[in-house]
Amino acid sequence: SDWMIPLCTGGERLKDEDGKKAHPTQKPESLLQRVLLATTNPGDTVLDPFSGTGTTAAAAKRLGRNYIGIERDETYARLSRARLKAIEPIEGAVLETERSKKSLPRVPFGALLENGWLKPGDRLFSPQRRYQARIRVDGSLTTGTSTGSIHRLGAHVQQAPACNGWTYWHYEDPKRNLAPIDLLRRRYREEMGLN
C-alpha cells in the first residue's frame, strides 16, 4: 500500500548555523519509524551506511533498537551526534507491538499428525460441509480425484486462485461440531512455546 507521509519540515528539519537546511534530503522520522517497526524488534541492530543527519539512528534509538550510522561528511556526522543526544528512548510495555500472524513461527500441517491431533484417513470439511477431503499420511489432502496441500486443495475445490487452508478446512470434534484446523495450529504453538 502507499504511505502518505509529509516531507521533513518544521521543528524536525535540522538547520545549519545560518538557519538553512542542514541536509538537502533529510527524511522524516515517521518514515523510518514505520520501516523499523515493520522490519525489526527491540534490541535488533540497524545499520545505515549513508547516515546523513542520523534520521535512521534517531528512529532506532527512540524505538529501542541499537544502531550503527556511517557518514563521511563531518558536518552531517556532527549534527547526527547532537541529534542523538536529545533522543529519549521509548521504554517498557509501550514499546511492544502487536505481532502479525505472518510473524509467528511457521507450523507445517504434518506437525498436527505427528502430535496425534489428526490422523491419516481423518476427514476435513469446508465450512458448511460443502466439500470434504481425507488426510494422507504425508500431510497432503485428497478429495479422491484431486490431491494437494491444505492450501492448494482448498483453492482447487473453490476454484479460487489461492486459499488459506488453515482457516478454510475444519475438523470434526467428538460432538460433530466443526472447528478450523487453525485452532490446532494455535494449540501446537502454545504447547511448543512458539508464541
C-alpha atoms as a PDB file:
ATOM      1  CA  SER A   1       0.000   0.000   0.000  1.00  0.00           C
ATOM      2  CA  ASP A   2       1.040   3.606  -0.341  1.00  0.00           C
ATOM      3  CA  TRP A   3       2.301   5.531   2.646  1.00  0.00           C
ATOM      4  CA  MET A   4       1.291   9.178   2.793  1.00  0.00           C
ATOM      5  CA  ILE A   5       3.981  10.793   4.941  1.00  0.00           C
ATOM      6  CA  PRO A   6       4.707  14.525   4.727  1.00  0.00           C
ATOM      7  CA  LEU A   7       8.175  15.826   3.901  1.00  0.00           C
ATOM      8  CA  CYS A   8      10.533  16.674   6.720  1.00  0.00           C
ATOM      9  CA  THR A   9       9.674  20.266   7.684  1.00  0.00           C
ATOM     10  CA  GLY A  10       9.210  22.498  10.712  1.00  0.00           C
ATOM     11  CA  GLY A  11      10.873  21.631  14.000  1.00  0.00           C
ATOM     12  CA  GLU A  12      12.078  18.261  12.750  1.00  0.00           C
ATOM     13  CA  ARG A  13      14.103  19.821   9.924  1.00  0.00           C
ATOM     14  CA  LEU A  14      17.707  20.272  11.041  1.00  0.00           C
ATOM     15  CA  LYS A  15      19.233  23.680  10.279  1.00  0.00           C
ATOM     16  CA  ASP A  16      22.839  24.772   9.960  1.00  0.00           C
ATOM     17  CA  GLU A  17      24.405  27.770  11.719  1.00  0.00           C
ATOM     18  CA  ASP A  18      22.871  30.097   9.104  1.00  0.00           C
ATOM     19  CA  GLY A  19      19.345  28.740   9.642  1.00  0.00           C
ATOM     20  CA  LYS A  20      19.303  26.894   6.291  1.00  0.00           C
ATOM     21  CA  LYS A  21      18.526  23.222   5.678  1.00  0.00           C
ATOM     22  CA  ALA A  22      21.411  21.216   7.086  1.00  0.00           C
ATOM     23  CA  HIS A  23      20.854  18.357   4.610  1.00  0.00           C
ATOM     24  CA  PRO A  24      19.063  18.573   1.247  1.00  0.00           C
ATOM     25  CA  THR A  25      17.229  15.233   1.552  1.00  0.00           C
ATOM     26  CA  GLN A  26      16.572  14.757   5.266  1.00  0.00           C
ATOM     27  CA  LYS A  27      13.918  12.061   5.711  1.00  0.00           C
ATOM     28  CA  PRO A  28      11.018  12.368   8.160  1.00  0.00           C
ATOM     29  CA  GLU A  29      11.460  10.245  11.288  1.00  0.00           C
ATOM     30  CA  SER A  30       7.914   8.925  10.864  1.00  0.00           C
ATOM     31  CA  LEU A  31       9.012   7.200   7.640  1.00  0.00           C
ATOM     32  CA  LEU A  32      11.943   5.445   9.305  1.00  0.00           C
ATOM     33  CA  GLN A  33       9.862   4.619  12.367  1.00  0.00           C
ATOM     34  CA  ARG A  34       7.327   2.855  10.174  1.00  0.00           C
ATOM     35  CA  VAL A  35      10.065   0.931   8.340  1.00  0.00           C
ATOM     36  CA  LEU A  36      11.783  -0.107  11.580  1.00  0.00           C
ATOM     37  CA  LEU A  37       8.544  -1.198  13.243  1.00  0.00           C
ATOM     38  CA  ALA A  38       7.770  -3.359  10.207  1.00  0.00           C
ATOM     39  CA  THR A  39      11.209  -4.975   9.948  1.00  0.00           C
ATOM     40  CA  THR A  40      12.930  -5.052  13.354  1.00  0.00           C
ATOM     41  CA  ASN A  41      12.387  -5.851  17.017  1.00  0.00           C
ATOM     42  CA  PRO A  42      13.623  -4.083  20.156  1.00  0.00           C
ATOM     43  CA  GLY A  43      17.291  -4.899  20.679  1.00  0.00           C
ATOM     44  CA  ASP A  44      17.994  -5.517  16.984  1.00  0.00           C
ATOM     45  CA  THR A  45      20.837  -3.596  15.382  1.00  0.00           C
ATOM     46  CA  VAL A  46      20.096  -1.282  12.456  1.00  0.00           C
ATOM     47  CA  LEU A  47      22.854  -0.276  10.013  1.00  0.00           C
ATOM     48  CA  ASP A  48      22.632   2.889   7.914  1.00  0.00           C
ATOM     49  CA  PRO A  49      25.774   3.105   5.750  1.00  0.00           C
ATOM     50  CA  PHE A  50      24.829   6.583   4.452  1.00  0.00           C
ATOM     51  CA  SER A  51      23.576   8.075   7.689  1.00  0.00           C
ATOM     52  CA  GLY A  52      23.397  11.758   6.759  1.00  0.00           C
ATOM     53  CA  THR A  53      21.971  13.640   9.726  1.00  0.00           C
ATOM     54  CA  GLY A  54      21.017  10.415  11.539  1.00  0.00           C
ATOM     55  CA  THR A  55      17.294  10.037  10.912  1.00  0.00           C
ATOM     56  CA  THR A  56      17.520   6.236  10.900  1.00  0.00           C
ATOM     57  CA  ALA A  57      19.649   6.225  14.063  1.00  0.00           C
ATOM     58  CA  ALA A  58      17.246   8.644  15.767  1.00  0.00           C
ATOM     59  CA  ALA A  59      14.237   6.443  14.974  1.00  0.00           C
ATOM     60  CA  ALA A  60      16.173   3.330  16.040  1.00  0.00           C
ATOM     61  CA  LYS A  61      17.193   4.857  19.371  1.00  0.00           C
ATOM     62  CA  ARG A  62      13.645   6.037  20.081  1.00  0.00           C
ATOM     63  CA  LEU A  63      12.323   2.521  19.340  1.00  0.00           C
ATOM     64  CA  GLY A  64      14.859   0.659  21.495  1.00  0.00           C
ATOM     65  CA  ARG A  65      16.974  -0.614  18.614  1.00  0.00           C
ATOM     66  CA  ASN A  66      20.752  -0.477  18.504  1.00  0.00           C
ATOM     67  CA  TYR A  67      22.166   1.435  15.574  1.00  0.00           C
ATOM     68  CA  ILE A  68      25.288   1.932  13.534  1.00  0.00           C
ATOM     69  CA  GLY A  69      25.484   5.004  11.339  1.00  0.00           C
ATOM     70  CA  ILE A  70      28.264   5.608   8.819  1.00  0.00           C
ATOM     71  CA  GLU A  71      28.702   9.115   7.414  1.00  0.00           C
ATOM     72  CA  ARG A  72      31.785  10.577   5.716  1.00  0.00           C
ATOM     73  CA  ASP A  73      30.658  14.234   5.819  1.00  0.00           C
ATOM     74  CA  GLU A  74      31.857  15.588   9.185  1.00  0.00           C
ATOM     75  CA  THR A  75      29.187  18.307   9.273  1.00  0.00           C
ATOM     76  CA  TYR A  76      26.400  15.745   8.915  1.00  0.00           C
ATOM     77  CA  ALA A  77      28.078  13.419  11.427  1.00  0.00           C
ATOM     78  CA  ARG A  78      28.327  16.264  13.975  1.00  0.00           C
ATOM     79  CA  LEU A  79      24.639  17.154  13.510  1.00  0.00           C
ATOM     80  CA  SER A  80      23.718  13.485  13.849  1.00  0.00           C
ATOM     81  CA  ARG A  81      25.606  13.099  17.143  1.00  0.00           C
ATOM     82  CA  ALA A  82      23.910  16.210  18.573  1.00  0.00           C
ATOM     83  CA  ARG A  83      20.519  14.964  17.391  1.00  0.00           C
ATOM     84  CA  LEU A  84      21.010  11.555  19.019  1.00  0.00           C
ATOM     85  CA  LYS A  85      21.915  13.092  22.382  1.00  0.00           C
ATOM     86  CA  ALA A  86      18.464  14.697  22.507  1.00  0.00           C
ATOM     87  CA  ILE A  87      16.509  11.491  21.738  1.00  0.00           C
ATOM     88  CA  GLU A  88      14.588   9.936  24.639  1.00  0.00           C
ATOM     89  CA  PRO A  89      14.086   6.195  24.055  1.00  0.00           C
ATOM     90  CA  ILE A  90      10.631   4.714  24.498  1.00  0.00           C
ATOM     91  CA  GLU A  91      10.800   2.047  27.199  1.00  0.00           C
ATOM     92  CA  GLY A  92       8.726  -0.618  28.849  1.00  0.00           C
ATOM     93  CA  ALA A  93       5.425  -2.094  27.744  1.00  0.00           C
ATOM     94  CA  VAL A  94       4.540   0.789  25.413  1.00  0.00           C
ATOM     95  CA  LEU A  95       7.472  -0.221  23.195  1.00  0.00           C
ATOM     96  CA  GLU A  96       5.912  -3.613  22.471  1.00  0.00           C
ATOM     97  CA  THR A  97       3.914  -4.107  19.274  1.00  0.00           C
ATOM     98  CA  GLU A  98       1.194  -6.496  18.220  1.00  0.00           C
ATOM     99  CA  ARG A  99       2.642  -9.414  16.293  1.00  0.00           C
ATOM    100  CA  SER A 100       1.167 -10.127  12.911  1.00  0.00           C
ATOM    101  CA  LYS A 101       0.116 -13.661  12.047  1.00  0.00           C
ATOM    102  CA  LYS A 102       2.842 -13.751   9.406  1.00  0.00           C
ATOM    103  CA  SER A 103       5.498 -13.092  12.031  1.00  0.00           C
ATOM    104  CA  LEU A 104       4.539 -16.170  14.061  1.00  0.00           C
ATOM    105  CA  PRO A 105       6.678 -19.289  13.618  1.00  0.00           C
ATOM    106  CA  ARG A 106       5.515 -21.469  10.756  1.00  0.00           C
ATOM    107  CA  VAL A 107       3.860 -24.751  11.620  1.00  0.00           C
ATOM    108  CA  PRO A 108       3.723 -27.496   8.995  1.00  0.00           C
ATOM    109  CA  PHE A 109       0.356 -29.196   8.721  1.00  0.00           C
ATOM    110  CA  GLY A 110       2.148 -32.523   9.228  1.00  0.00           C
ATOM    111  CA  ALA A 111       3.038 -31.444  12.789  1.00  0.00           C
ATOM    112  CA  LEU A 112      -0.627 -31.907  13.717  1.00  0.00           C
ATOM    113  CA  LEU A 113      -0.395 -35.517  12.529  1.00  0.00           C
ATOM    114  CA  GLU A 114       2.898 -36.095  14.337  1.00  0.00           C
ATOM    115  CA  ASN A 115       1.274 -34.951  17.581  1.00  0.00           C
ATOM    116  CA  GLY A 116      -1.743 -37.195  17.067  1.00  0.00           C
ATOM    117  CA  TRP A 117      -4.314 -34.394  16.915  1.00  0.00           C
ATOM    118  CA  LEU A 118      -5.258 -35.527  13.424  1.00  0.00           C
ATOM    119  CA  LYS A 119      -4.574 -38.884  11.756  1.00  0.00           C
ATOM    120  CA  PRO A 120      -4.136 -40.141   8.205  1.00  0.00           C
ATOM    121  CA  GLY A 121      -7.590 -41.008   6.947  1.00  0.00           C
ATOM    122  CA  ASP A 122      -9.375 -38.342   9.017  1.00  0.00           C
ATOM    123  CA  ARG A 123     -11.795 -36.171   7.090  1.00  0.00           C
ATOM    124  CA  LEU A 124     -11.584 -32.384   6.896  1.00  0.00           C
ATOM    125  CA  PHE A 125     -14.532 -30.278   5.830  1.00  0.00           C
ATOM    126  CA  SER A 126     -15.093 -26.933   4.212  1.00  0.00           C
ATOM    127  CA  PRO A 127     -17.362 -24.510   6.072  1.00  0.00           C
ATOM    128  CA  GLN A 128     -20.951 -25.775   5.934  1.00  0.00           C
ATOM    129  CA  ARG A 129     -19.553 -29.202   4.858  1.00  0.00           C
ATOM    130  CA  ARG A 130     -19.871 -28.479   1.139  1.00  0.00           C
ATOM    131  CA  TYR A 131     -16.537 -30.182   0.419  1.00  0.00           C
ATOM    132  CA  GLN A 132     -14.575 -32.805   2.262  1.00  0.00           C
ATOM    133  CA  ALA A 133     -11.087 -34.196   1.966  1.00  0.00           C
ATOM    134  CA  ARG A 134      -9.148 -37.022   3.559  1.00  0.00           C
ATOM    135  CA  ILE A 135      -5.767 -36.540   5.186  1.00  0.00           C
ATOM    136  CA  ARG A 136      -2.990 -38.608   3.627  1.00  0.00           C
ATOM    137  CA  VAL A 137      -0.008 -39.995   5.526  1.00  0.00           C
ATOM    138  CA  ASP A 138       2.343 -37.260   4.243  1.00  0.00           C
ATOM    139  CA  GLY A 139       0.042 -34.428   5.368  1.00  0.00           C
ATOM    140  CA  SER A 140      -1.418 -33.757   1.950  1.00  0.00           C
ATOM    141  CA  LEU A 141      -5.157 -33.954   1.311  1.00  0.00           C
ATOM    142  CA  THR A 142      -7.184 -35.828  -1.277  1.00  0.00           C
ATOM    143  CA  THR A 143     -10.746 -35.461  -2.500  1.00  0.00           C
ATOM    144  CA  GLY A 144     -10.460 -38.748  -4.383  1.00  0.00           C
ATOM    145  CA  THR A 145      -9.812 -37.071  -7.714  1.00  0.00           C
ATOM    146  CA  SER A 146      -7.502 -34.256  -6.644  1.00  0.00           C
ATOM    147  CA  THR A 147      -4.665 -34.002  -4.157  1.00  0.00           C
ATOM    148  CA  GLY A 148      -2.542 -31.238  -2.696  1.00  0.00           C
ATOM    149  CA  SER A 149      -1.606 -29.244   0.361  1.00  0.00           C
ATOM    150  CA  ILE A 150      -4.289 -27.788   2.617  1.00  0.00           C
ATOM    151  CA  HIS A 151      -3.904 -24.508   0.726  1.00  0.00           C
ATOM    152  CA  ARG A 152      -3.755 -25.890  -2.813  1.00  0.00           C
ATOM    153  CA  LEU A 153      -6.681 -28.269  -2.391  1.00  0.00           C
ATOM    154  CA  GLY A 154      -8.743 -25.568  -0.671  1.00  0.00           C
ATOM    155  CA  ALA A 155      -8.158 -23.271  -3.642  1.00  0.00           C
ATOM    156  CA  HIS A 156      -8.921 -26.083  -6.083  1.00  0.00           C
ATOM    157  CA  VAL A 157     -12.322 -27.042  -4.635  1.00  0.00           C
ATOM    158  CA  GLN A 158     -13.353 -23.379  -4.522  1.00  0.00           C
ATOM    159  CA  GLN A 159     -11.943 -22.715  -7.989  1.00  0.00           C
ATOM    160  CA  ALA A 160     -10.052 -19.814  -6.440  1.00  0.00           C
ATOM    161  CA  PRO A 161      -6.511 -18.585  -7.162  1.00  0.00           C
ATOM    162  CA  ALA A 162      -5.445 -19.025  -3.513  1.00  0.00           C
ATOM    163  CA  CYS A 163      -6.741 -20.237  -0.173  1.00  0.00           C
ATOM    164  CA  ASN A 164      -5.660 -20.112   3.454  1.00  0.00           C
ATOM    165  CA  GLY A 165      -6.112 -23.784   4.215  1.00  0.00           C
ATOM    166  CA  TRP A 166      -5.708 -23.203   7.957  1.00  0.00           C
ATOM    167  CA  THR A 167      -8.952 -21.252   8.118  1.00  0.00           C
ATOM    168  CA  TYR A 168     -10.789 -22.988   5.256  1.00  0.00           C
ATOM    169  CA  TRP A 169     -10.515 -26.626   6.357  1.00  0.00           C
ATOM    170  CA  HIS A 170     -12.290 -27.761   9.523  1.00  0.00           C
ATOM    171  CA  TYR A 171     -12.015 -30.864  11.649  1.00  0.00           C
ATOM    172  CA  GLU A 172     -14.894 -32.517  13.442  1.00  0.00           C
ATOM    173  CA  ASP A 173     -14.815 -32.632  17.239  1.00  0.00           C
ATOM    174  CA  PRO A 174     -16.335 -35.575  19.200  1.00  0.00           C
ATOM    175  CA  LYS A 175     -19.735 -33.816  19.222  1.00  0.00           C
ATOM    176  CA  ARG A 176     -19.594 -33.499  15.401  1.00  0.00           C
ATOM    177  CA  ASN A 177     -19.074 -29.746  15.591  1.00  0.00           C
ATOM    178  CA  LEU A 178     -16.722 -28.221  13.050  1.00  0.00           C
ATOM    179  CA  ALA A 179     -13.692 -26.162  14.096  1.00  0.00           C
ATOM    180  CA  PRO A 180     -10.987 -24.671  11.851  1.00  0.00           C
ATOM    181  CA  ILE A 181      -7.683 -26.544  11.864  1.00  0.00           C
ATOM    182  CA  ASP A 182      -6.102 -23.172  12.704  1.00  0.00           C
ATOM    183  CA  LEU A 183      -7.203 -23.848  16.315  1.00  0.00           C
ATOM    184  CA  LEU A 184      -4.976 -26.923  16.343  1.00  0.00           C
ATOM    185  CA  ARG A 185      -2.103 -24.879  14.911  1.00  0.00           C
ATOM    186  CA  ARG A 186      -2.538 -22.340  17.743  1.00  0.00           C
ATOM    187  CA  ARG A 187      -2.577 -25.169  20.277  1.00  0.00           C
ATOM    188  CA  TYR A 188       0.631 -26.565  18.745  1.00  0.00           C
ATOM    189  CA  ARG A 189       2.352 -23.162  19.045  1.00  0.00           C
ATOM    190  CA  GLU A 190       1.266 -22.834  22.676  1.00  0.00           C
ATOM    191  CA  GLU A 191       2.371 -26.317  23.675  1.00  0.00           C
ATOM    192  CA  MET A 192       5.701 -25.942  21.861  1.00  0.00           C
ATOM    193  CA  GLY A 193       6.285 -22.446  23.327  1.00  0.00           C
ATOM    194  CA  LEU A 194       6.305 -20.834  19.882  1.00  0.00           C
ATOM    195  CA  ASN A 195       4.056 -17.835  20.642  1.00  0.00           C
END
